[in-house]
Protein backbone atom coordinates (compact mmCIF):
# COMPACT_ATOMS: atom_id res chain seq x y z
CA UNK A 1 0.00 0.00 0.00
CA UNK A 2 1.35 3.43 -0.95
CA UNK A 3 1.32 5.79 2.04
CA UNK A 4 -0.32 9.22 1.77
CA UNK A 5 1.92 11.92 0.33
CA UNK A 6 2.54 13.60 3.69
CA UNK A 7 3.74 10.26 5.03
CA UNK A 8 5.81 9.41 1.96
CA UNK A 9 7.57 12.78 2.23
CA UNK A 10 9.01 11.97 5.65
CA UNK A 11 12.59 10.84 6.10
CA UNK A 12 12.83 9.28 9.56
CA UNK A 13 16.13 9.08 11.46
CA UNK A 14 16.19 7.18 14.74
CA UNK A 15 18.98 6.67 17.26
CA UNK A 16 18.99 5.24 20.79
CA UNK A 17 18.41 8.80 22.05
CA UNK A 18 16.44 10.67 19.37
CA UNK A 19 13.80 10.30 16.71
CA UNK A 20 13.44 13.00 14.06
CA UNK A 21 12.11 13.55 10.57
CA UNK A 22 13.38 15.38 7.50
CA UNK A 23 10.62 16.61 5.15
CA UNK A 24 11.26 16.72 1.41
CA UNK A 25 8.09 18.63 0.54
CA UNK A 26 5.83 21.26 2.06
CA UNK A 27 7.56 23.20 4.85
CA UNK A 28 11.16 22.28 4.11
CA UNK A 29 14.74 22.63 5.41
CA UNK A 30 16.05 21.55 8.78
CA UNK A 31 14.11 19.18 11.05
CA UNK A 32 10.39 18.69 10.57
CA UNK A 33 8.43 20.53 13.26
CA UNK A 34 7.21 18.50 16.22
CA UNK A 35 9.40 15.50 15.45
CA UNK A 36 12.62 15.93 17.42
CA UNK A 37 11.73 13.48 20.18
CA UNK A 38 13.91 13.05 23.24
CA UNK A 39 13.59 9.39 24.17
CA UNK A 40 14.85 10.02 27.71
CA UNK A 41 11.91 12.25 28.59
CA UNK A 42 9.39 11.84 25.76
CA UNK A 43 9.59 15.58 24.99
CA UNK A 44 9.22 16.93 21.45
CA UNK A 45 9.97 20.35 20.00
CA UNK A 46 7.08 22.82 20.03
CA UNK A 47 7.64 24.67 16.77
CA UNK A 48 7.22 24.68 13.01
CA UNK A 49 10.67 23.22 12.41
CA UNK A 50 14.28 23.38 13.61
CA UNK A 51 17.20 24.99 11.73
CA UNK A 52 14.79 26.33 9.13
CA UNK A 53 16.29 28.50 6.35
CA UNK A 54 14.72 31.61 4.78
CA UNK A 55 16.31 34.16 2.40
CA UNK A 56 19.19 36.61 1.98
CA UNK A 57 18.92 40.17 3.30
CA UNK A 58 20.98 43.31 3.81
CA UNK A 59 20.48 46.62 5.66
CA UNK A 60 18.13 49.14 4.04
CA UNK A 61 18.16 52.92 3.95
CA UNK A 62 15.39 53.93 6.40
CA UNK A 63 14.88 57.21 4.50
CA UNK A 64 13.99 55.55 1.19
CA UNK A 65 10.35 54.51 0.60
CA UNK A 66 9.84 50.74 0.72
CA UNK A 67 9.05 49.39 -2.78
CA UNK A 68 6.05 47.11 -3.20
CA UNK A 69 6.99 43.52 -2.47
CA UNK A 70 10.07 44.47 -0.45
CA UNK A 71 10.74 43.80 3.21
CA UNK A 72 8.53 45.99 5.40
CA UNK A 73 9.62 47.69 8.60
CA UNK A 74 8.68 50.74 10.63
CA UNK A 75 7.87 52.02 14.11
CA UNK A 76 4.43 50.37 14.05
CA UNK A 77 5.48 47.09 12.42
CA UNK A 78 4.76 44.36 14.97
CA UNK A 79 6.36 41.60 12.88
CA UNK A 80 9.70 43.11 11.79
CA UNK A 81 9.90 46.12 14.07
CA UNK A 82 11.71 49.26 13.05
CA UNK A 83 14.85 47.42 11.87
CA UNK A 84 15.67 48.61 8.32
CA UNK A 85 16.37 45.69 6.01
CA UNK A 86 15.67 44.67 2.44
CA UNK A 87 15.47 41.37 0.62
CA UNK A 88 18.40 40.55 -1.66
CA UNK A 89 17.59 37.05 -2.90
CA UNK A 90 14.66 34.73 -2.41
CA UNK A 91 12.25 33.12 -2.25
CA UNK A 92 11.94 32.01 1.36
CA UNK A 93 13.19 28.43 1.31
CA UNK A 94 10.99 26.97 4.04
CA UNK A 95 7.66 28.16 2.61
CA UNK A 96 8.37 28.63 -1.10
CA UNK A 97 10.94 26.06 -2.21
CA UNK A 98 8.15 23.44 -1.88
CA UNK A 99 10.49 20.49 -2.46
CA UNK A 100 14.06 19.63 -1.51
CA UNK A 101 16.02 16.47 -2.19
CA UNK A 102 17.76 15.36 1.02
CA UNK A 103 20.80 13.14 0.49
CA UNK A 104 21.13 10.78 3.45
CA UNK A 105 24.38 9.01 4.29
CA UNK A 106 25.45 6.64 7.01
CA UNK A 107 28.76 6.51 8.88
CA UNK A 108 29.87 4.03 11.51
CA UNK A 109 28.18 5.92 14.36
CA UNK A 110 26.19 8.77 12.79
CA UNK A 111 23.79 9.67 9.99
CA UNK A 112 24.20 12.64 7.66
CA UNK A 113 21.72 14.69 5.65
CA UNK A 114 22.64 17.27 3.03
CA UNK A 115 20.25 19.61 1.19
CA UNK A 116 20.81 22.40 -1.32
CA UNK A 117 18.75 25.16 -2.90
CA UNK A 118 19.58 27.94 -5.35
CA UNK A 119 17.65 31.19 -4.87
CA UNK A 120 16.06 32.42 -8.10
CA UNK A 121 14.46 35.79 -7.23
CA UNK A 122 16.47 39.02 -7.26
CA UNK A 123 14.66 41.81 -5.42
CA UNK A 124 16.71 44.86 -6.34
CA UNK A 125 17.48 46.63 -9.61
CA UNK A 126 20.83 45.59 -11.00
CA UNK A 127 21.20 42.65 -8.62
CA UNK A 128 21.36 38.96 -9.47
CA UNK A 129 19.92 35.76 -8.05
CA UNK A 130 21.53 32.35 -7.97
CA UNK A 131 23.34 32.13 -4.64
CA UNK A 132 23.57 28.54 -3.41
CA UNK A 133 22.47 27.41 0.05
CA UNK A 134 23.70 24.12 1.45
CA UNK A 135 22.68 22.57 4.74
CA UNK A 136 24.49 19.70 6.41
CA UNK A 137 22.93 17.81 9.32
CA UNK A 138 24.83 15.21 11.34
CA UNK A 139 22.96 12.99 13.79
CA UNK A 140 25.33 11.12 16.14
CA UNK A 141 24.11 7.82 17.53
CA UNK A 142 25.25 8.55 21.08
CA UNK A 143 23.95 12.04 21.93
CA UNK A 144 20.67 13.82 22.60
CA UNK A 145 21.69 16.53 20.14
CA UNK A 146 22.53 16.94 16.49
CA UNK A 147 24.94 19.12 14.52
CA UNK A 148 23.84 21.34 11.67
CA UNK A 149 25.52 23.88 9.38
CA UNK A 150 24.33 26.35 6.76
CA UNK A 151 26.68 27.55 4.01
CA UNK A 152 25.93 30.16 1.34
CA UNK A 153 27.96 30.63 -1.84
CA UNK A 154 27.09 34.05 -3.13
CA UNK A 155 26.44 35.69 -6.48
CA UNK A 156 25.55 38.94 -4.74
CA UNK A 157 27.83 41.85 -3.94
CA UNK A 158 26.70 43.38 -0.69
CA UNK A 159 28.02 45.53 2.10
CA UNK A 160 26.43 43.27 4.71
CA UNK A 161 24.74 40.12 3.38
CA UNK A 162 22.89 37.90 5.87
CA UNK A 163 21.13 34.55 5.82
CA UNK A 164 18.02 34.42 7.99
CA UNK A 165 17.37 31.18 9.88
CA UNK A 166 15.16 29.96 12.72
CA UNK A 167 17.45 28.88 15.55
CA UNK A 168 16.63 26.57 17.17
CA UNK A 169 13.11 27.18 15.84
CA UNK A 170 9.98 29.12 16.70
CA UNK A 171 8.03 28.15 19.82
CA UNK A 172 4.31 27.64 19.33
CA UNK A 173 2.12 27.97 22.40
CA UNK A 174 -1.43 28.94 23.34
CA UNK A 175 -0.49 30.61 26.64
CA UNK A 176 -1.55 27.48 28.48
CA UNK A 177 1.58 26.02 30.04
CA UNK A 178 3.43 24.33 27.16
CA UNK A 179 6.76 25.78 28.26
CA UNK A 180 8.30 27.13 31.46
CA UNK A 181 11.22 29.33 30.48
CA UNK A 182 13.24 30.78 27.62
CA UNK A 183 17.03 31.00 27.93
CA UNK A 184 19.07 33.64 26.06
CA UNK A 185 22.78 33.51 26.83
CA UNK A 186 23.27 37.14 25.74
CA UNK A 187 20.45 38.66 27.78
CA UNK A 188 20.42 39.87 31.38
CA UNK A 189 18.65 38.07 32.94
CA UNK A 190 19.37 35.03 30.79
CA UNK A 191 16.45 32.94 32.11
CA UNK A 192 13.05 34.39 31.23
CA UNK A 193 9.72 33.05 32.54
CA UNK A 194 7.05 32.08 30.02
CA UNK A 195 4.95 35.00 31.27
CA UNK A 196 7.25 37.34 29.31
CA UNK A 197 5.68 35.95 26.12
CA UNK A 198 1.97 36.21 26.79
CA UNK A 199 1.51 39.53 24.92
CA UNK A 200 2.84 40.28 21.43
CA UNK A 201 5.76 42.70 21.06
CA UNK A 202 8.08 43.57 18.13
CA UNK A 203 11.66 42.27 17.87
CA UNK A 204 13.29 45.60 18.72
CA UNK A 205 11.25 46.07 21.91
CA UNK A 206 13.34 43.68 24.03
CA UNK A 207 15.57 40.59 23.94
CA UNK A 208 17.29 41.75 20.72
CA UNK A 209 20.96 40.91 20.09
CA UNK A 210 22.96 42.90 17.52
CA UNK A 211 26.64 42.19 16.89
CA UNK A 212 28.78 45.22 17.61
CA UNK A 213 26.00 46.90 19.60
CA UNK A 214 25.10 44.34 22.27
CA UNK A 215 27.79 43.07 24.64
CA UNK A 216 29.51 40.04 23.10
CA UNK A 217 28.47 36.90 25.02
CA UNK A 218 30.78 33.99 25.75
CA UNK A 219 28.27 31.62 24.14
CA UNK A 220 25.39 32.00 21.70
CA UNK A 221 22.69 29.71 23.15
CA UNK A 222 18.93 30.10 22.79
CA UNK A 223 16.69 27.52 24.42
CA UNK A 224 13.27 26.86 25.87
CA UNK A 225 12.25 24.56 28.69
CA UNK A 226 9.20 22.45 27.97
CA UNK A 227 6.74 21.75 30.75
CA UNK A 228 7.51 18.65 32.80
CA UNK A 229 5.57 15.50 32.05
CA UNK A 230 3.75 13.73 34.88
CA UNK A 231 6.19 12.11 37.28
CA UNK A 232 9.04 14.54 36.50
CA UNK A 233 10.05 17.56 38.54
CA UNK A 234 11.32 19.59 35.58
CA UNK A 235 11.07 19.42 31.82
CA UNK A 236 14.15 19.31 29.58
CA UNK A 237 15.52 22.21 27.56
CA UNK A 238 15.54 22.32 23.76
CA UNK A 239 18.59 24.37 22.83
CA UNK A 240 19.97 25.86 19.65
CA UNK A 241 23.63 26.88 19.84
CA UNK A 242 25.49 28.85 17.20
CA UNK A 243 28.98 27.62 17.88
CA UNK A 244 30.89 30.71 16.78
CA UNK A 245 29.38 33.77 18.46
CA UNK A 246 30.81 36.09 15.81
CA UNK A 247 28.85 34.39 13.01
CA UNK A 248 25.61 35.88 14.39
CA UNK A 249 24.83 39.35 13.06
CA UNK A 250 21.48 39.65 14.82
CA UNK A 251 19.16 37.50 16.92
CA UNK A 252 15.49 38.09 17.77
CA UNK A 253 13.32 36.59 20.46
CA UNK A 254 9.89 38.20 20.42
CA UNK A 255 6.23 37.26 20.67
CA UNK A 256 4.04 37.41 17.55
CA UNK A 257 1.41 34.76 18.24
CA UNK A 258 4.34 32.43 18.92
CA UNK A 259 7.85 33.02 20.25
CA UNK A 260 9.84 34.00 17.16
CA UNK A 261 13.47 32.89 17.41
CA UNK A 262 15.20 34.34 14.34
CA UNK A 263 18.93 34.58 13.75
CA UNK A 264 20.75 36.30 10.93
CA UNK A 265 24.09 34.80 9.96
CA UNK A 266 26.86 36.72 8.23
CA UNK A 267 26.13 40.44 7.99
CA UNK A 268 29.52 41.19 6.42
CA UNK A 269 30.59 42.38 2.95
CA UNK A 270 30.43 39.80 0.18
CA UNK A 271 31.25 39.64 -3.50
CA UNK A 272 30.36 36.91 -6.03
CA UNK A 273 31.92 33.56 -5.16
CA UNK A 274 32.32 34.24 -1.44
CA UNK A 275 31.02 31.80 1.15
CA UNK A 276 29.69 32.34 4.64
CA UNK A 277 27.61 30.44 7.15
CA UNK A 278 27.51 29.00 10.64
CA UNK A 279 27.47 25.73 12.56
CA UNK A 280 24.94 24.82 15.23
CA UNK A 281 24.29 22.26 17.92
CA UNK A 282 20.60 21.53 18.47
CA UNK A 283 19.08 19.16 20.98
CA UNK A 284 17.89 18.25 24.44
CA UNK A 285 19.52 19.00 27.79
CA UNK A 286 18.53 18.51 31.42
CA UNK A 287 19.90 21.86 32.58
CA UNK A 288 21.84 24.94 31.56
CA UNK A 289 25.14 23.59 32.87
CA UNK A 290 24.84 20.68 30.45
CA UNK A 291 24.19 23.11 27.60
CA UNK A 292 27.28 25.12 28.49
CA UNK A 293 29.48 22.03 28.61
CA UNK A 294 28.30 20.88 25.18
CA UNK A 295 28.86 24.35 23.75
CA UNK A 296 32.38 24.59 25.14
CA UNK A 297 33.28 21.20 23.68
CA UNK A 298 32.59 22.57 20.18
CA UNK A 299 33.03 26.32 20.55
CA UNK A 300 34.46 28.11 17.53
CA UNK A 301 33.00 25.86 14.84
CA UNK A 302 31.69 27.78 11.84
CA UNK A 303 30.94 24.80 9.61
CA UNK A 304 30.88 21.03 9.25
CA UNK A 305 32.90 18.86 6.91
CA UNK A 306 32.60 15.15 6.18
CA UNK A 307 35.82 13.16 6.06
CA UNK A 308 35.27 11.13 2.93
CA UNK A 309 32.73 10.93 0.09
CA UNK A 310 29.35 12.35 1.00
CA UNK A 311 27.66 9.05 0.28
CA UNK A 312 30.01 7.20 2.66
CA UNK A 313 31.07 9.65 5.36
CA UNK A 314 33.72 8.52 7.80
CA UNK A 315 33.65 11.28 10.38
CA UNK A 316 32.76 14.84 11.18
CA UNK A 317 34.74 17.81 12.40
CA UNK A 318 34.44 21.53 12.95
CA UNK A 319 36.21 24.03 10.76
CA UNK A 320 37.67 27.21 12.17
CA UNK A 321 35.99 30.56 11.76
CA UNK A 322 39.02 31.83 9.85
CA UNK A 323 38.81 28.97 7.33
CA UNK A 324 35.16 29.63 6.63
CA UNK A 325 34.79 33.39 7.02
CA UNK A 326 33.65 35.35 3.98
CA UNK A 327 36.04 37.47 1.97
CA UNK A 328 35.75 40.99 3.34
CA UNK A 329 35.99 43.78 0.80
CA UNK A 330 36.43 47.45 1.57
């Protein structure tokens, strides 16, 4: 019997610690929403997806009228706030790519997934489309977390090109006790009660991180604590860690019907043929100390590389920020 299309589109990966799905159609990129299951506690993520990829942006001139179809911002914009930006290349991968072709490989103690997409919409006069996005996901057999990396190879010249991603992913809730806390390593205080997210507010109202403006944190960790299941004192934390703090140009955590956890990667000058990106660790932890230890074990990674052919990987490693930083032009 042929399964329904929404079932056929699922790629299931299961380890002794995790179960997760990769979707090849519909809402694509990253981990399928509601499927990263922690076998130790039975918890699942509460969002639309994890490590979800969007589009390429750059800063906009706030004094120039916003063209129709461009990114909207302003003092009364509850979704984007008054943060001047403009689209460079699209469409949004997660909602508009519609289909991706995940390539799944198997190593001796881990599973890999790679996906690519080439943007085909140029939003500005004189600009081009065709930059290539590649995502690599590595699922170790022996951990409650996964590794992920995004890498962009550009065709766009920009003074500050960024890739927008959801990291770890948005948090859906109906204000009825699905989660206990949000953790932002760069905020003071870093642990926020769920009551902070009962009323909508724009991204520039609070909890906004901007590289070069906000104090530089030791770690870039964003997490939420799900409500404990019966018989447990506390629920686990679902964390998304960007392993090189300096790869993050901006990070939002605001309420817009759900907790919106956006990051923008890059934000530096690019010219055609440059590459930039970031590496992440995403998964389940019992407490913040455990998150910090995992981060410190991999701090400084800006990408992932497979040792061997992609169809038969033999290992994984982090690459230094210097090796993977974009070419900076004056």
